[in-house]
Protein backbone atom coordinates (compact mmCIF):
# COMPACT_ATOMS: atom_id res chain seq x y z
CA MET A 1 -2.43 -1.55 19.13
CA ARG A 2 -1.91 -0.46 15.53
CA GLN A 3 -4.21 2.32 14.34
CA HIS A 4 -6.60 1.26 11.59
CA LEU A 5 -5.45 3.49 8.72
CA ASN A 6 -7.34 3.85 5.46
CA THR A 7 -6.30 2.78 1.98
CA LEU A 8 -6.79 5.15 -0.95
CA PHE A 9 -8.01 3.27 -4.03
CA VAL A 10 -7.73 5.12 -7.34
CA THR A 11 -9.72 3.53 -10.16
CA SER A 12 -10.33 6.46 -12.58
CA GLU A 13 -8.48 5.97 -15.86
CA GLY A 14 -6.03 8.78 -16.53
CA ALA A 15 -6.00 10.00 -12.92
CA TRP A 16 -2.94 11.88 -11.67
CA LEU A 17 -1.87 11.93 -8.02
CA LYS A 18 0.22 14.74 -6.58
CA LYS A 19 1.36 16.17 -3.26
CA ASP A 20 -0.05 19.39 -1.83
CA GLY A 21 1.44 20.07 1.57
CA ALA A 22 0.58 17.02 3.70
CA ASN A 23 -2.30 16.02 1.43
CA ILE A 24 -2.65 13.55 -1.43
CA VAL A 25 -4.56 15.13 -4.30
CA VAL A 26 -6.26 13.20 -7.12
CA GLU A 27 -6.85 14.94 -10.44
CA VAL A 28 -8.54 13.86 -13.67
CA GLU A 29 -7.97 16.07 -16.71
CA GLN A 30 -6.39 18.68 -14.40
CA ALA A 31 -9.56 18.91 -12.30
CA GLU A 32 -9.31 17.97 -8.62
CA ILE A 33 -11.68 15.12 -7.74
CA GLY A 34 -10.32 14.16 -4.34
CA ARG A 35 -8.04 15.23 -1.50
CA VAL A 36 -7.07 13.24 1.61
CA PRO A 37 -4.68 13.95 4.51
CA ALA A 38 -1.63 11.68 4.22
CA HIS A 39 -1.50 10.95 7.95
CA MET A 40 -4.78 9.02 7.62
CA MET A 41 -3.46 6.75 4.88
CA GLY A 42 -1.78 3.39 5.28
CA GLY A 43 -1.55 2.69 1.57
CA VAL A 44 -2.40 3.83 -1.96
CA VAL A 45 -3.58 1.37 -4.63
CA CYS A 46 -3.76 2.49 -8.27
CA PHE A 47 -5.68 0.51 -10.89
CA GLY A 48 -4.96 0.76 -14.60
CA ARG A 49 -3.65 3.93 -16.20
CA VAL A 50 -2.98 6.05 -13.12
CA GLY A 51 0.08 8.27 -12.68
CA MET A 52 1.82 9.80 -9.67
CA SER A 53 4.25 12.69 -9.28
CA PRO A 54 7.81 11.93 -8.08
CA PRO A 55 7.43 14.32 -5.09
CA LEU A 56 4.39 12.38 -3.92
CA MET A 57 6.19 9.04 -4.38
CA GLY A 58 9.07 10.29 -2.25
CA PHE A 59 6.70 11.70 0.37
CA CYS A 60 4.79 8.40 0.63
CA ALA A 61 8.06 6.49 1.00
CA GLU A 62 9.16 8.80 3.82
CA GLN A 63 5.79 8.49 5.59
CA GLY A 64 5.65 4.70 5.31
CA ILE A 65 2.69 4.77 2.90
CA ALA A 66 2.98 1.84 0.52
CA VAL A 67 2.00 2.57 -3.09
CA SER A 68 0.91 -0.34 -5.29
CA PHE A 69 0.18 -0.27 -9.01
CA LEU A 70 -2.20 -2.92 -10.34
CA SER A 71 -3.49 -3.59 -13.83
CA GLU A 72 -7.14 -2.91 -14.63
CA HIS A 73 -7.74 -6.63 -13.95
CA GLY A 74 -6.20 -6.34 -10.47
CA ARG A 75 -2.90 -8.03 -11.38
CA PHE A 76 0.08 -6.73 -9.39
CA VAL A 77 2.43 -4.58 -11.50
CA ALA A 78 4.74 -2.67 -9.18
CA ARG A 79 5.16 -1.28 -5.67
CA VAL A 80 6.91 1.80 -4.32
CA GLU A 81 8.02 1.76 -0.71
CA GLY A 82 10.56 3.34 1.61
CA PRO A 83 13.19 1.67 3.82
CA VAL A 84 12.20 -1.78 5.04
CA SER A 85 11.20 -1.89 8.70
CA GLY A 86 12.20 -4.59 11.16
CA ASN A 87 15.60 -6.11 11.77
CA VAL A 88 17.86 -8.55 9.99
CA LEU A 89 17.62 -11.13 12.78
CA LEU A 90 13.88 -11.65 12.20
CA ARG A 91 14.38 -12.10 8.47
CA ARG A 92 17.22 -14.54 9.04
CA SER A 93 14.89 -16.58 11.25
CA GLN A 94 12.26 -16.46 8.49
CA TYR A 95 14.71 -17.68 5.84
CA ARG A 96 16.01 -20.49 8.05
CA ALA A 97 12.47 -21.67 8.82
CA SER A 98 11.53 -21.56 5.14
CA ASP A 99 14.52 -23.77 4.24
CA ASP A 100 13.84 -26.23 7.09
CA ASP A 101 10.95 -28.52 6.08
CA ALA A 102 10.08 -29.38 9.69
CA ALA A 103 9.89 -25.72 10.74
CA CYS A 104 8.17 -24.80 7.49
CA ALA A 105 5.56 -27.53 7.95
CA VAL A 106 4.60 -26.22 11.41
CA ILE A 107 3.52 -22.92 9.86
CA ALA A 108 2.06 -24.42 6.67
CA ARG A 109 -0.14 -26.80 8.67
CA ALA A 110 -1.52 -23.92 10.75
CA LEU A 111 -2.23 -21.81 7.65
CA VAL A 112 -4.14 -24.61 5.93
CA ALA A 113 -6.06 -25.46 9.09
CA GLY A 114 -7.08 -21.82 9.51
CA LYS A 115 -8.13 -21.52 5.88
CA ALA A 116 -10.20 -24.72 5.96
CA ALA A 117 -11.86 -23.74 9.24
CA ASN A 118 -12.82 -20.30 7.91
CA GLN A 119 -14.11 -21.74 4.64
CA ARG A 120 -16.18 -24.16 6.69
CA THR A 121 -17.63 -21.27 8.68
CA VAL A 122 -18.72 -19.58 5.42
CA LEU A 123 -20.59 -22.75 4.42
CA ARG A 124 -22.09 -23.29 7.86
CA ARG A 125 -23.40 -19.71 7.92
CA ALA A 126 -25.03 -20.31 4.54
CA LEU A 127 -26.71 -23.44 5.87
CA ARG A 128 -27.89 -21.51 8.91
CA ASP A 129 -29.14 -18.45 7.01
CA TYR A 130 -30.94 -20.04 4.07
CA GLY A 131 -30.39 -23.78 4.22
CA ASP A 132 -34.15 -24.37 4.58
CA SER A 133 -34.77 -22.77 1.19
CA LEU A 134 -32.41 -25.19 -0.59
CA ASP A 135 -33.51 -28.47 -2.06
CA PRO A 136 -32.43 -31.61 -0.15
CA ALA A 137 -29.69 -32.43 -2.65
CA SER A 138 -28.10 -28.97 -2.30
CA GLN A 139 -28.35 -29.11 1.48
CA ALA A 140 -26.61 -32.49 1.41
CA ARG A 141 -23.82 -31.15 -0.83
CA LEU A 142 -23.20 -28.18 1.46
CA ASP A 143 -23.24 -30.38 4.54
CA ASP A 144 -20.83 -32.84 2.94
CA ALA A 145 -18.47 -30.02 1.91
CA GLN A 146 -18.38 -28.50 5.39
CA ARG A 147 -17.64 -31.93 6.85
CA ARG A 148 -14.80 -32.43 4.36
CA LEU A 149 -13.36 -29.06 5.36
CA ALA A 150 -13.56 -30.07 9.02
CA ASP A 151 -11.61 -33.22 8.11
CA VAL A 152 -9.00 -31.12 6.26
CA ALA A 153 -8.54 -28.83 9.27
CA ARG A 154 -8.05 -31.87 11.49
CA LEU A 155 -5.96 -34.08 9.19
CA VAL A 156 -3.57 -31.35 8.07
CA MET A 157 -2.27 -31.02 11.63
CA GLU A 158 -0.98 -34.58 11.26
CA ALA A 159 0.65 -33.93 7.86
CA PRO A 160 4.27 -35.21 7.84
CA GLY A 161 5.63 -32.28 5.83
CA THR A 162 4.92 -29.17 3.81
CA ASP A 163 4.05 -31.04 0.59
CA ALA A 164 1.47 -33.10 2.46
CA ALA A 165 -0.01 -29.89 3.90
CA ARG A 166 -0.29 -28.48 0.38
CA GLY A 167 -2.15 -31.61 -0.66
CA HIS A 168 -4.69 -31.09 2.12
CA GLU A 169 -5.04 -27.45 1.08
CA GLY A 170 -5.94 -28.59 -2.43
CA ASP A 171 -8.53 -31.01 -1.05
CA GLY A 172 -10.11 -28.21 0.97
CA ALA A 173 -10.21 -25.83 -2.00
CA SER A 174 -11.87 -28.52 -4.12
CA ALA A 175 -14.57 -29.10 -1.49
CA TYR A 176 -15.18 -25.38 -0.95
CA PHE A 177 -15.32 -24.15 -4.54
CA GLY A 178 -17.22 -27.28 -5.54
CA VAL A 179 -20.27 -25.89 -3.70
CA PHE A 180 -19.55 -22.15 -3.94
CA ASP A 181 -22.30 -21.68 -6.54
CA LEU A 182 -24.87 -22.86 -3.97
CA LEU A 183 -24.05 -19.75 -1.92
CA ILE A 184 -25.20 -17.47 -4.76
CA ARG A 185 -28.88 -16.57 -4.40
CA VAL A 186 -29.54 -14.74 -7.69
CA GLU A 187 -30.92 -16.52 -10.73
CA ASP A 188 -28.99 -14.62 -13.40
CA PRO A 189 -26.80 -17.27 -15.12
CA ALA A 190 -24.16 -14.61 -15.84
CA MET A 191 -23.48 -14.31 -12.11
CA ARG A 192 -23.23 -18.02 -11.37
CA PHE A 193 -19.99 -19.74 -10.36
CA LYS A 194 -18.80 -22.80 -12.28
CA THR A 195 -15.15 -23.22 -11.37
CA ARG A 196 -12.29 -21.06 -10.10
CA ASN A 197 -10.35 -19.43 -12.94
CA ARG A 198 -7.99 -16.45 -13.16
CA ARG A 199 -5.25 -14.75 -15.22
CA PRO A 200 -7.60 -13.62 -16.66
CA PRO A 201 -10.93 -14.44 -14.99
CA LEU A 202 -13.43 -15.79 -17.51
CA ASP A 203 -16.73 -14.95 -15.81
CA ALA A 204 -18.22 -12.23 -13.62
CA CYS A 205 -18.00 -14.08 -10.30
CA ASN A 206 -14.33 -14.94 -10.79
CA ALA A 207 -13.58 -11.38 -11.89
CA LEU A 208 -15.10 -10.10 -8.65
CA LEU A 209 -13.19 -12.64 -6.54
CA SER A 210 -9.88 -11.89 -8.28
CA PHE A 211 -10.36 -8.14 -7.77
CA LEU A 212 -11.00 -8.63 -4.05
CA TYR A 213 -8.10 -11.07 -3.69
CA ALA A 214 -5.77 -8.46 -5.19
CA ILE A 215 -6.89 -5.95 -2.55
CA VAL A 216 -6.52 -8.44 0.29
CA GLY A 217 -3.04 -9.28 -1.05
CA HIS A 218 -2.04 -5.63 -0.85
CA ASP A 219 -3.17 -5.43 2.78
CA CYS A 220 -1.37 -8.66 3.71
CA ARG A 221 1.86 -7.56 2.07
CA SER A 222 1.72 -4.21 3.87
CA ALA A 223 1.12 -5.98 7.19
CA LEU A 224 4.15 -8.24 6.71
CA GLU A 225 6.43 -5.36 5.76
CA THR A 226 5.22 -3.38 8.77
CA VAL A 227 6.51 -6.03 11.19
CA GLY A 228 9.74 -6.55 9.21
CA LEU A 229 9.05 -9.87 7.46
CA ASP A 230 9.99 -10.53 3.84
CA PRO A 231 6.72 -10.93 1.87
CA GLN A 232 8.51 -12.84 -0.91
CA VAL A 233 9.59 -15.85 1.17
CA GLY A 234 6.67 -18.03 2.19
CA PHE A 235 6.04 -21.38 3.83
CA LEU A 236 2.94 -22.77 2.15
CA HIS A 237 3.66 -21.19 -1.25
CA ARG A 238 6.91 -22.15 -2.92
CA ASP A 239 9.42 -19.45 -3.85
CA ARG A 240 8.93 -18.09 -7.34
CA PRO A 241 10.46 -14.96 -8.92
CA GLY A 242 8.06 -12.03 -8.68
CA ARG A 243 5.62 -13.80 -6.35
CA ALA A 244 5.03 -12.58 -2.80
CA GLY A 245 4.82 -16.06 -1.29
CA LEU A 246 4.39 -15.03 2.35
CA ALA A 247 1.70 -12.49 1.46
CA LEU A 248 -0.15 -15.30 -0.33
CA ASP A 249 0.32 -17.48 2.76
CA LEU A 250 -1.20 -14.85 5.02
CA MET A 251 -4.07 -14.34 2.57
CA GLU A 252 -5.21 -17.94 2.82
CA GLU A 253 -6.82 -17.72 6.24
CA VAL A 254 -8.42 -14.28 5.70
CA ARG A 255 -9.69 -14.65 2.12
CA PRO A 256 -12.94 -16.39 3.11
CA ILE A 257 -13.72 -13.59 5.57
CA LEU A 258 -12.48 -10.46 3.82
CA ALA A 259 -13.08 -11.38 0.17
CA ASP A 260 -15.49 -14.29 -0.32
CA ARG A 261 -18.11 -12.97 2.09
CA VAL A 262 -17.95 -9.50 0.52
CA ALA A 263 -18.31 -10.98 -2.98
CA LEU A 264 -21.31 -13.10 -1.97
CA SER A 265 -23.02 -10.17 -0.24
CA LEU A 266 -22.56 -7.91 -3.27
CA ILE A 267 -23.96 -10.53 -5.63
CA ASN A 268 -26.84 -11.68 -3.44
CA ARG A 269 -27.94 -8.11 -2.64
CA GLN A 270 -27.63 -7.30 -6.37
CA GLN A 271 -25.29 -4.43 -5.62
CA VAL A 272 -23.15 -5.90 -8.39
CA THR A 273 -24.86 -7.38 -11.46
CA ALA A 274 -23.84 -8.69 -14.89
CA ALA A 275 -24.12 -5.14 -16.27
CA ASP A 276 -21.20 -4.09 -14.05
CA PHE A 277 -18.68 -6.16 -16.04
CA GLU A 278 -16.89 -5.77 -19.36
CA TYR A 279 -16.46 -8.81 -21.59
CA LYS A 280 -13.32 -8.75 -23.74
CA GLU A 281 -12.80 -10.47 -27.10
CA GLY A 282 -10.32 -12.98 -25.70
CA GLY A 283 -12.81 -14.12 -23.06
CA ALA A 284 -11.49 -12.04 -20.16
CA VAL A 285 -14.02 -10.40 -17.85
CA MET A 286 -13.35 -7.33 -15.72
CA LEU A 287 -15.23 -4.92 -13.47
CA ARG A 288 -16.29 -1.56 -14.81
CA ASP A 289 -15.04 1.60 -13.08
CA ASP A 290 -18.28 2.39 -11.23
CA ALA A 291 -18.57 -1.20 -10.01
CA ARG A 292 -15.03 -1.08 -8.65
CA LYS A 293 -16.01 1.83 -6.45
CA THR A 294 -19.00 -0.13 -5.15
CA VAL A 295 -16.79 -3.13 -4.37
CA LEU A 296 -14.10 -1.04 -2.69
CA THR A 297 -16.68 0.73 -0.53
CA ALA A 298 -18.12 -2.62 0.59
CA TYR A 299 -14.61 -3.92 1.30
CA GLN A 300 -13.70 -0.90 3.41
CA GLU A 301 -16.95 -1.25 5.36
CA ARG A 302 -16.25 -4.94 5.93
CA LYS A 303 -12.84 -4.08 7.36
CA ARG A 304 -14.53 -1.92 10.00
CA ASP A 305 -16.59 -4.81 11.40
CA GLU A 306 -15.57 -5.69 14.96
CA ILE A 307 -14.67 -9.23 15.97
CA LEU A 308 -13.17 -10.93 19.01
CA HIS A 309 -9.73 -12.28 18.18
CA PRO A 310 -9.76 -15.90 19.44
CA PHE A 311 -6.08 -16.01 20.42
CA LEU A 312 -5.65 -12.52 21.91
CA ASP A 313 -9.19 -12.48 23.34
CA GLU A 314 -9.43 -8.81 22.34
CA LYS A 315 -11.95 -6.90 20.25
CA LEU A 316 -10.60 -5.42 17.03
CA THR A 317 -11.70 -4.63 13.49
CA LEU A 318 -11.40 -7.17 10.69
CA GLY A 319 -9.08 -4.79 8.86
CA LEU A 320 -6.49 -5.25 11.61
CA VAL A 321 -6.47 -9.05 11.41
CA PRO A 322 -3.64 -9.24 8.80
CA HIS A 323 -1.47 -6.99 10.97
CA ILE A 324 -2.18 -9.05 14.10
CA GLN A 325 -1.46 -12.31 12.29
CA ALA A 326 1.77 -10.91 10.89
CA ARG A 327 2.88 -9.99 14.42
CA LEU A 328 1.96 -13.44 15.74
CA LEU A 329 3.97 -15.03 12.92
CA ALA A 330 6.95 -12.82 13.78
CA ARG A 331 6.67 -13.85 17.44
CA HIS A 332 6.69 -17.52 16.45
CA LEU A 333 9.74 -17.05 14.22
CA ARG A 334 11.55 -15.27 17.06
CA GLY A 335 10.79 -18.21 19.35
CA ASP A 336 8.30 -16.38 21.59
CA LEU A 337 5.45 -18.73 20.56
CA ASP A 338 5.73 -22.48 20.13
CA GLY A 339 3.49 -22.39 17.05
CA TYR A 340 1.74 -19.97 14.76
CA PRO A 341 -1.90 -19.48 15.89
CA PRO A 342 -4.11 -19.05 12.79
CA PHE A 343 -7.07 -16.70 12.84
CA LEU A 344 -10.30 -18.67 13.28
CA TRP A 345 -13.49 -16.83 12.42
CA LYS A 346 -16.61 -17.71 14.38
């Protein structure tokens, strides 16, 4: 079983990372503000104007510690990594499957089914936890949305091809985000959800979701590279220069669990409020530095939650789910599994 390593998130503007023996040191204005042993790290994520010494970059590459640079909004900028793990035969199988619509559809259908099922679980938990406090119309909307998501999870398995699976995925997203605002329990209009928007996010809730999705994307990409798969070549997401299609594929089934639930908890517990966001002249909204630390702490705690993996029937932490799913996908592509078993949260 893979060890659950930590991820170092650096959000302080102007921070400088350097190597000191086998430690990663973080400095701001030449003053040390943090020091962590490298052997405990699985990745380093730098937000905004953060620099790193060449010796530390080389050391991280040698140790298999992926380093990602993101903009202050959470948009992917660059990644530094060492030699790619895995073997060429697995990647050849991945490329062949991606070019074969029948083989591609098998995986795409499973991804969409897993995503819809997990989104449905988020809605059903909301109905269970505070459905009685909602007005009848809101209860009916939530119940209708969870039924539509159940239909998507069922119907997508009969989809004739990848394009049809993508159509079902769009239907599921429409049903889910159409009632997402009902899951928010605070009255502040600045924290309400109207519609999904990004690049850049135009309200606080979308800014929080986009930030979390960027972090989940980093973890999914690292998981895929660990098992030797190419994160650029996906099955549900079409190939596009600069886009990690397979990492986006893997994100779909874990986003409701690792990102959406964290975002809703932070908002509903008022750990993140409208005062934690900056509003730019062009309409973009972004998290302030202190709020990022709050979000990252909550995300790391969420990753430590234990669950029972439905396919392996083993207990593991949520943070290991992307790595397990990446391994199951690799087994399917090698021919060891007839299909790709999506992760279903219960």
